[in-house]
Amino acid sequence: MQLVVARIGRAHGIKGEVTVEVRTDEPELRLAPGAVLATEPAGAGPLTIETGRVHSGRLLLRFEGVRDRTAAEALRNTLLIAEVDPAELPEDPEEFYDHQLMDLDVVLADGTEIGRITEITHLPSQDLFIVERPDGSEVMIPFVEEIVTEIDLEEQRAVITPPPGLIDESQAVIASSRDEEGDEDVAPESGKDA
């Protein structure tokens, strides 16, 4: 099975290094020197990582055969794809690969069916489950510990405890700063006809 593990950014310096946007929780494993990665577009690869280092908080890679800035810049926006055994699990038991989570049933703690995970979106602040409901509509569930309380791969389900309004908009609680202030700013009615 293939997983996208990084996207190549701009060239760094003049000796063929590139910045990469890491898309894996295990960069030390997937983006190590010697790793051979497929690419999208396929014509750009396969690429073999020659060196890797962190500079100013960014991962820089150099690939075999890429020796100058022009060659490095030609790889910009290329996706790096690793071949992964589908039975392989992340080292941390609290982490999951996307393919493990796809098609899981999403249920409330009481067993009420919400839907099925059809997509996982990776955002800078958190990941989102895109859940298709039985009626065909979709709902986005933040993949955070406070909401997704259990992932049970054996039972093929994700248990959630959503805040009011996440699943059913009619249950949404609208908070306003005016509610906290009370009715102090409301002018009393004079009782006179105008």
Protein backbone atom coordinates (compact mmCIF):
# COMPACT_ATOMS: atom_id res chain seq x y z
CA MET A 1 0.00 0.00 0.00
CA GLN A 2 1.24 3.50 -0.80
CA LEU A 3 1.17 6.47 1.59
CA VAL A 4 2.03 10.10 0.82
CA VAL A 5 4.76 10.98 3.32
CA ALA A 6 5.86 14.45 2.15
CA ARG A 7 5.55 17.17 -0.47
CA ILE A 8 8.68 18.80 -1.86
CA GLY A 9 8.87 22.56 -1.37
CA ARG A 10 11.33 25.07 -2.74
CA ALA A 11 15.02 24.58 -3.32
CA HIS A 12 17.37 25.47 -0.45
CA GLY A 13 20.81 26.73 -1.36
CA ILE A 14 22.71 25.83 -4.51
CA LYS A 15 23.69 22.19 -3.86
CA GLY A 16 20.39 20.44 -4.58
CA GLU A 17 18.69 20.46 -1.16
CA VAL A 18 14.92 20.97 -0.93
CA THR A 19 12.54 21.83 1.86
CA VAL A 20 9.79 19.29 2.48
CA GLU A 21 6.34 19.50 4.00
CA VAL A 22 6.22 16.36 6.14
CA ARG A 23 2.97 14.37 5.97
CA THR A 24 3.89 11.45 8.19
CA ASP A 25 4.14 11.01 11.95
CA GLU A 26 7.27 8.92 11.39
CA PRO A 27 9.65 11.06 9.30
CA GLU A 28 12.70 9.41 10.89
CA LEU A 29 11.49 6.10 9.43
CA ARG A 30 9.95 7.16 6.11
CA LEU A 31 12.35 9.96 5.15
CA ALA A 32 15.67 8.47 6.27
CA PRO A 33 18.79 8.43 4.08
CA GLY A 34 18.62 5.46 1.72
CA ALA A 35 14.80 5.46 1.50
CA VAL A 36 13.54 5.02 -2.06
CA LEU A 37 10.28 6.86 -2.66
CA ALA A 38 7.81 6.82 -5.51
CA THR A 39 6.57 10.22 -6.70
CA GLU A 40 3.49 11.95 -8.02
CA PRO A 41 3.93 12.82 -10.81
CA ALA A 42 5.51 9.45 -11.44
CA GLY A 43 7.97 10.87 -14.00
CA ALA A 44 9.88 12.72 -11.26
CA GLY A 45 10.97 9.55 -9.51
CA PRO A 46 11.65 7.24 -7.97
CA LEU A 47 13.85 9.33 -5.69
CA THR A 48 16.44 8.01 -3.24
CA ILE A 49 17.14 10.16 -0.19
CA GLU A 50 20.86 10.85 0.11
CA THR A 51 20.88 13.17 3.13
CA GLY A 52 18.44 14.79 5.50
CA ARG A 53 18.80 17.47 8.13
CA VAL A 54 16.73 19.97 10.06
CA HIS A 55 17.48 23.65 9.45
CA SER A 56 15.53 26.42 11.23
CA GLY A 57 12.77 23.95 12.09
CA ARG A 58 12.34 22.66 8.53
CA LEU A 59 13.39 19.31 7.13
CA LEU A 60 15.82 19.57 4.23
CA LEU A 61 16.46 16.59 1.95
CA ARG A 62 18.94 15.93 -0.83
CA PHE A 63 18.24 13.20 -3.36
CA GLU A 64 20.75 11.10 -5.27
CA GLY A 65 21.44 12.68 -8.67
CA VAL A 66 20.06 16.11 -7.71
CA ARG A 67 23.16 18.30 -7.47
CA ASP A 68 22.11 21.89 -8.13
CA ARG A 69 19.38 24.42 -7.44
CA THR A 70 17.85 24.06 -10.92
CA ALA A 71 17.36 20.31 -10.53
CA ALA A 72 16.02 20.79 -7.00
CA GLU A 73 13.56 23.49 -8.08
CA ALA A 74 12.25 21.17 -10.83
CA LEU A 75 11.00 18.82 -8.08
CA ARG A 76 8.88 21.49 -6.38
CA ASN A 77 5.36 20.31 -5.40
CA THR A 78 6.23 16.65 -6.09
CA LEU A 79 4.59 14.25 -3.64
CA LEU A 80 6.82 11.62 -2.03
CA ILE A 81 5.15 8.22 -1.63
CA ALA A 82 6.33 5.33 0.56
CA GLU A 83 5.37 1.70 0.11
CA VAL A 84 3.96 0.45 3.43
CA ASP A 85 2.87 -3.04 4.49
CA PRO A 86 -0.90 -2.78 5.18
CA ALA A 87 -0.46 -4.93 8.31
CA GLU A 88 2.16 -2.54 9.72
CA LEU A 89 1.04 -0.46 12.70
CA PRO A 90 2.49 2.79 14.06
CA GLU A 91 4.80 2.42 17.06
CA ASP A 92 2.53 4.57 19.27
CA PRO A 93 -0.73 2.71 20.09
CA GLU A 94 -2.58 6.05 20.07
CA GLU A 95 -1.66 6.70 16.41
CA PHE A 96 -3.31 5.29 13.33
CA TYR A 97 -2.67 5.25 9.61
CA ASP A 98 -5.42 6.72 7.44
CA HIS A 99 -6.13 3.34 5.83
CA GLN A 100 -6.91 1.87 9.27
CA LEU A 101 -9.55 4.54 9.92
CA MET A 102 -11.25 4.60 6.52
CA ASP A 103 -14.71 2.99 6.50
CA LEU A 104 -14.92 2.73 10.29
CA ASP A 105 -18.47 3.06 11.65
CA VAL A 106 -18.88 6.19 13.77
CA VAL A 107 -21.17 5.73 16.78
CA LEU A 108 -22.10 7.58 19.95
CA ALA A 109 -21.16 6.08 23.34
CA ASP A 110 -24.70 4.61 23.59
CA GLY A 111 -24.26 2.85 20.22
CA THR A 112 -26.33 5.28 18.12
CA GLU A 113 -25.04 5.13 14.54
CA ILE A 114 -23.77 8.42 13.11
CA GLY A 115 -22.24 7.21 9.85
CA ARG A 116 -19.06 5.94 8.22
CA ILE A 117 -15.65 7.60 7.76
CA THR A 118 -15.19 8.26 4.04
CA GLU A 119 -12.27 10.70 4.14
CA ILE A 120 -9.64 12.07 6.49
CA THR A 121 -8.53 15.66 6.07
CA HIS A 122 -5.22 16.74 7.58
CA LEU A 123 -5.20 20.37 8.71
CA PRO A 124 -2.34 22.19 10.46
CA SER A 125 -4.20 22.31 13.80
CA GLN A 126 -5.97 18.92 13.73
CA ASP A 127 -7.28 16.13 11.55
CA LEU A 128 -10.93 15.84 10.53
CA PHE A 129 -13.03 12.77 9.82
CA ILE A 130 -15.45 13.30 6.97
CA VAL A 131 -18.37 11.09 7.95
CA GLU A 132 -21.11 10.08 5.54
CA ARG A 133 -24.44 9.80 7.35
CA PRO A 134 -27.07 7.19 6.43
CA ASP A 135 -29.12 9.88 4.63
CA GLY A 136 -26.12 10.70 2.38
CA SER A 137 -25.24 14.00 4.09
CA GLU A 138 -21.77 14.57 5.51
CA VAL A 139 -20.55 15.80 8.88
CA MET A 140 -17.01 16.77 9.88
CA ILE A 141 -15.74 15.35 13.18
CA PRO A 142 -12.50 16.77 14.64
CA PHE A 143 -10.14 13.86 15.41
CA VAL A 144 -9.31 15.06 18.91
CA GLU A 145 -9.29 13.08 22.15
CA GLU A 146 -12.14 15.08 23.69
CA ILE A 147 -14.52 14.08 20.86
CA VAL A 148 -13.20 10.77 19.49
CA THR A 149 -13.00 8.79 22.72
CA GLU A 150 -12.22 5.34 21.29
CA ILE A 151 -10.95 3.72 18.11
CA ASP A 152 -11.74 0.01 18.09
CA LEU A 153 -10.12 -1.58 15.03
CA GLU A 154 -11.40 -5.07 15.91
CA GLU A 155 -15.01 -3.86 16.01
CA GLN A 156 -14.32 -1.47 13.11
CA ARG A 157 -15.78 1.55 14.89
CA ALA A 158 -14.95 4.99 16.25
CA VAL A 159 -16.83 6.08 19.38
CA ILE A 160 -17.50 9.80 19.72
CA THR A 161 -18.91 12.14 22.37
CA PRO A 162 -19.71 15.24 20.32
CA PRO A 163 -20.43 18.63 21.85
CA PRO A 164 -23.97 19.97 21.32
CA GLY A 165 -24.52 21.06 17.73
CA LEU A 166 -21.68 19.09 16.11
CA ILE A 167 -23.95 16.29 14.85
CA ASP A 168 -27.39 17.92 15.17
CA GLU A 169 -27.43 21.66 14.49
CA SER A 170 -30.75 22.01 16.31
CA GLN A 171 -28.90 21.22 19.55
CA ALA A 172 -26.30 23.94 19.05
CA VAL A 173 -25.71 26.23 21.99
CA ILE A 174 -25.24 29.83 20.90
CA ALA A 175 -23.00 31.74 23.28
CA SER A 176 -22.95 35.50 23.21
CA SER A 177 -21.16 38.05 25.34
CA ARG A 178 -24.51 39.82 25.70
CA ASP A 179 -25.94 36.76 27.44
CA GLU A 180 -23.27 37.03 30.12
CA GLU A 181 -23.91 40.73 30.72
CA GLY A 182 -27.58 40.15 31.42
CA ASP A 183 -30.28 42.67 30.74
CA GLU A 184 -28.48 45.63 32.31
CA ASP A 185 -28.32 47.60 29.07
CA VAL A 186 -32.00 47.20 28.20
CA ALA A 187 -33.92 50.44 28.69
CA PRO A 188 -37.12 50.09 30.69
CA GLU A 189 -40.35 50.72 28.83
CA SER A 190 -41.99 53.97 29.78
CA GLY A 191 -45.52 52.67 29.45
CA LYS A 192 -46.58 55.80 27.53
CA ASP A 193 -48.22 55.67 24.15
CA ALA A 194 -46.37 57.58 21.48
